[in-house]
Protein backbone atom coordinates (compact mmCIF):
# COMPACT_ATOMS: atom_id res chain seq x y z
CA UNK A 1 17.30 43.32 -58.16
CA UNK A 2 20.40 42.94 -56.03
CA UNK A 3 21.81 40.31 -53.72
CA UNK A 4 22.01 41.29 -50.04
CA UNK A 5 23.84 39.43 -47.29
CA UNK A 6 22.07 39.99 -43.99
CA UNK A 7 22.57 38.99 -40.38
CA UNK A 8 19.11 38.40 -38.93
CA UNK A 9 18.66 37.00 -35.44
CA UNK A 10 22.26 35.81 -35.45
CA UNK A 11 21.95 33.90 -38.72
CA UNK A 12 23.29 34.76 -42.15
CA UNK A 13 20.57 35.22 -44.74
CA UNK A 14 20.78 36.11 -48.40
CA UNK A 15 18.02 37.74 -50.41
CA UNK A 16 17.75 38.95 -53.98
CA UNK A 17 15.44 41.98 -53.93
CA UNK A 18 15.15 45.54 -55.17
CA UNK A 19 17.46 47.73 -53.01
CA UNK A 20 14.52 50.00 -52.13
CA UNK A 21 12.44 47.15 -50.69
CA UNK A 22 11.60 47.92 -47.06
CA UNK A 23 13.16 45.58 -44.50
CA UNK A 24 9.63 44.77 -43.25
CA UNK A 25 8.69 43.13 -46.54
CA UNK A 26 11.99 41.29 -46.84
CA UNK A 27 11.40 39.82 -43.38
CA UNK A 28 7.77 38.91 -43.97
CA UNK A 29 7.63 37.99 -47.66
CA UNK A 30 11.10 36.60 -48.35
CA UNK A 31 12.23 35.16 -45.01
CA UNK A 32 8.89 34.17 -43.46
CA UNK A 33 9.59 36.12 -40.27
CA UNK A 34 6.05 37.35 -39.72
CA UNK A 35 6.28 38.51 -36.11
CA UNK A 36 7.13 42.01 -37.30
CA UNK A 37 3.81 43.58 -38.26
CA UNK A 38 2.69 46.05 -40.90
CA UNK A 39 0.75 48.85 -39.28
CA UNK A 40 0.72 52.20 -41.03
CA UNK A 41 3.50 51.96 -43.60
CA UNK A 42 4.78 55.47 -42.78
CA UNK A 43 6.88 54.82 -39.65
CA UNK A 44 4.32 56.37 -37.31
CA UNK A 45 2.71 53.48 -35.39
CA UNK A 46 5.66 51.30 -34.31
CA UNK A 47 4.14 47.91 -35.15
CA UNK A 48 7.08 47.18 -37.47
CA UNK A 49 9.83 47.95 -34.92
CA UNK A 50 12.98 45.83 -35.10
CA UNK A 51 16.50 46.28 -33.74
CA UNK A 52 19.22 47.44 -36.10
CA UNK A 53 22.56 47.16 -34.31
CA UNK A 54 20.63 47.26 -31.02
CA UNK A 55 18.61 50.37 -31.82
CA UNK A 56 14.83 50.30 -32.24
CA UNK A 57 13.96 51.28 -35.83
CA UNK A 58 10.85 51.17 -37.99
CA UNK A 59 11.30 48.55 -40.68
CA UNK A 60 8.43 49.66 -42.93
CA UNK A 61 10.40 52.61 -44.35
CA UNK A 62 13.96 51.28 -43.94
CA UNK A 63 15.30 50.12 -47.32
CA UNK A 64 17.09 46.80 -47.30
CA UNK A 65 20.10 48.53 -48.85
CA UNK A 66 20.55 50.49 -45.58
CA UNK A 67 20.46 47.32 -43.46
CA UNK A 68 23.17 45.27 -45.14
CA UNK A 69 26.05 44.65 -42.74
CA UNK A 70 24.00 45.51 -39.66
CA UNK A 71 22.82 43.14 -36.95
CA UNK A 72 19.05 42.83 -37.38
CA UNK A 73 16.95 41.43 -34.54
CA UNK A 74 13.24 40.73 -34.89
CA UNK A 75 10.76 39.69 -32.23
CA UNK A 76 11.56 36.07 -33.18
CA UNK A 77 15.20 36.68 -32.32
CA UNK A 78 14.68 38.48 -29.02
CA UNK A 79 14.53 35.09 -27.27
CA UNK A 80 13.82 31.58 -28.44
CA UNK A 81 11.12 30.76 -25.89
CA UNK A 82 9.72 34.14 -24.86
CA UNK A 83 12.09 34.25 -21.90
CA UNK A 84 13.39 37.79 -22.40
CA UNK A 85 12.61 39.88 -19.28
CA UNK A 86 10.42 42.23 -21.33
CA UNK A 87 8.39 39.34 -22.72
CA UNK A 88 8.03 37.87 -19.24
CA UNK A 89 6.90 41.22 -17.84
CA UNK A 90 4.38 41.56 -20.68
CA UNK A 91 2.81 38.26 -19.63
CA UNK A 92 2.97 39.12 -15.93
CA UNK A 93 1.06 42.37 -16.53
CA UNK A 94 -1.28 40.82 -19.11
CA UNK A 95 -0.43 43.69 -21.47
CA UNK A 96 -1.88 42.59 -24.82
CA UNK A 97 -5.52 42.83 -25.72
CA UNK A 98 -5.66 42.41 -29.49
CA UNK A 99 -1.88 41.95 -29.52
CA UNK A 100 -1.22 43.43 -32.95
CA UNK A 101 1.15 46.18 -31.79
CA UNK A 102 2.86 44.13 -29.11
CA UNK A 103 5.90 42.92 -31.07
CA UNK A 104 6.78 46.53 -31.84
CA UNK A 105 6.08 47.59 -28.27
CA UNK A 106 8.29 44.81 -26.89
CA UNK A 107 11.13 45.57 -29.30
CA UNK A 108 11.02 49.26 -28.40
CA UNK A 109 11.02 48.47 -24.67
CA UNK A 110 13.88 45.98 -25.02
CA UNK A 111 16.02 48.55 -26.87
CA UNK A 112 15.27 51.15 -24.20
CA UNK A 113 16.29 48.81 -21.39
CA UNK A 114 19.44 47.75 -23.24
CA UNK A 115 20.72 51.33 -23.23
CA UNK A 116 19.06 52.42 -19.96
CA UNK A 117 18.40 49.54 -17.55
CA UNK A 118 16.69 51.74 -14.97
CA UNK A 119 14.57 54.32 -16.82
CA UNK A 120 12.38 56.87 -15.09
CA UNK A 121 8.67 57.12 -15.84
CA UNK A 122 9.39 60.05 -18.14
CA UNK A 123 12.10 58.13 -20.00
CA UNK A 124 9.76 55.17 -20.49
CA UNK A 125 7.00 57.45 -21.76
CA UNK A 126 9.40 59.22 -24.15
CA UNK A 127 10.81 55.96 -25.53
CA UNK A 128 7.42 54.30 -25.97
CA UNK A 129 5.71 57.46 -27.26
CA UNK A 130 5.90 56.50 -30.96
CA UNK A 131 4.26 53.10 -30.48
CA UNK A 132 0.51 53.22 -30.90
CA UNK A 133 -1.77 50.75 -29.12
CA UNK A 134 -5.32 50.89 -30.42
CA UNK A 135 -6.52 49.03 -27.33
CA UNK A 136 -5.02 51.66 -25.01
CA UNK A 137 -2.94 49.39 -22.78
CA UNK A 138 -0.40 52.14 -22.14
CA UNK A 139 -0.53 51.90 -18.34
CA UNK A 140 0.12 48.16 -18.46
CA UNK A 141 2.92 48.70 -20.99
CA UNK A 142 4.60 51.21 -18.67
CA UNK A 143 4.20 48.88 -15.68
CA UNK A 144 5.67 45.99 -17.67
CA UNK A 145 8.69 48.05 -18.71
CA UNK A 146 9.30 48.96 -15.06
CA UNK A 147 8.99 45.30 -14.01
CA UNK A 148 11.35 44.21 -16.79
CA UNK A 149 13.91 46.80 -15.68
CA UNK A 150 13.93 45.20 -12.23
CA UNK A 151 14.53 41.74 -13.75
CA UNK A 152 17.54 42.78 -15.83
């Protein structure tokens, strides 16, 4: 076990965990931030996507030791009241069906728009490619990303 000082959603947090513990499980089991979901456990589905220093990363395979000192943002920290343009666009386009993958989808889209506020269709498809939606709402996801880009 080791003590880690973390900056999560703009707040300092301290956890005492094994250095190899994935960030996902620190968030969910130690800090009660359960918006980040477990999907596949092998960084392939995107349900566990968070921001690490503004970049979308999979938290299920990222050891907590690699996250110390970085700015971590979870879906809970994207906006306090769901007012982020991506979250608003998700509601406008009625994107979620089951909703399980949506936190990861939203975090990926928000990171894309942070670095590229006016992405092309191809850039949206490339950025969102690693996020799996079992319900198949990909067309609504793409439309929501385009709408969010216009609101930024």
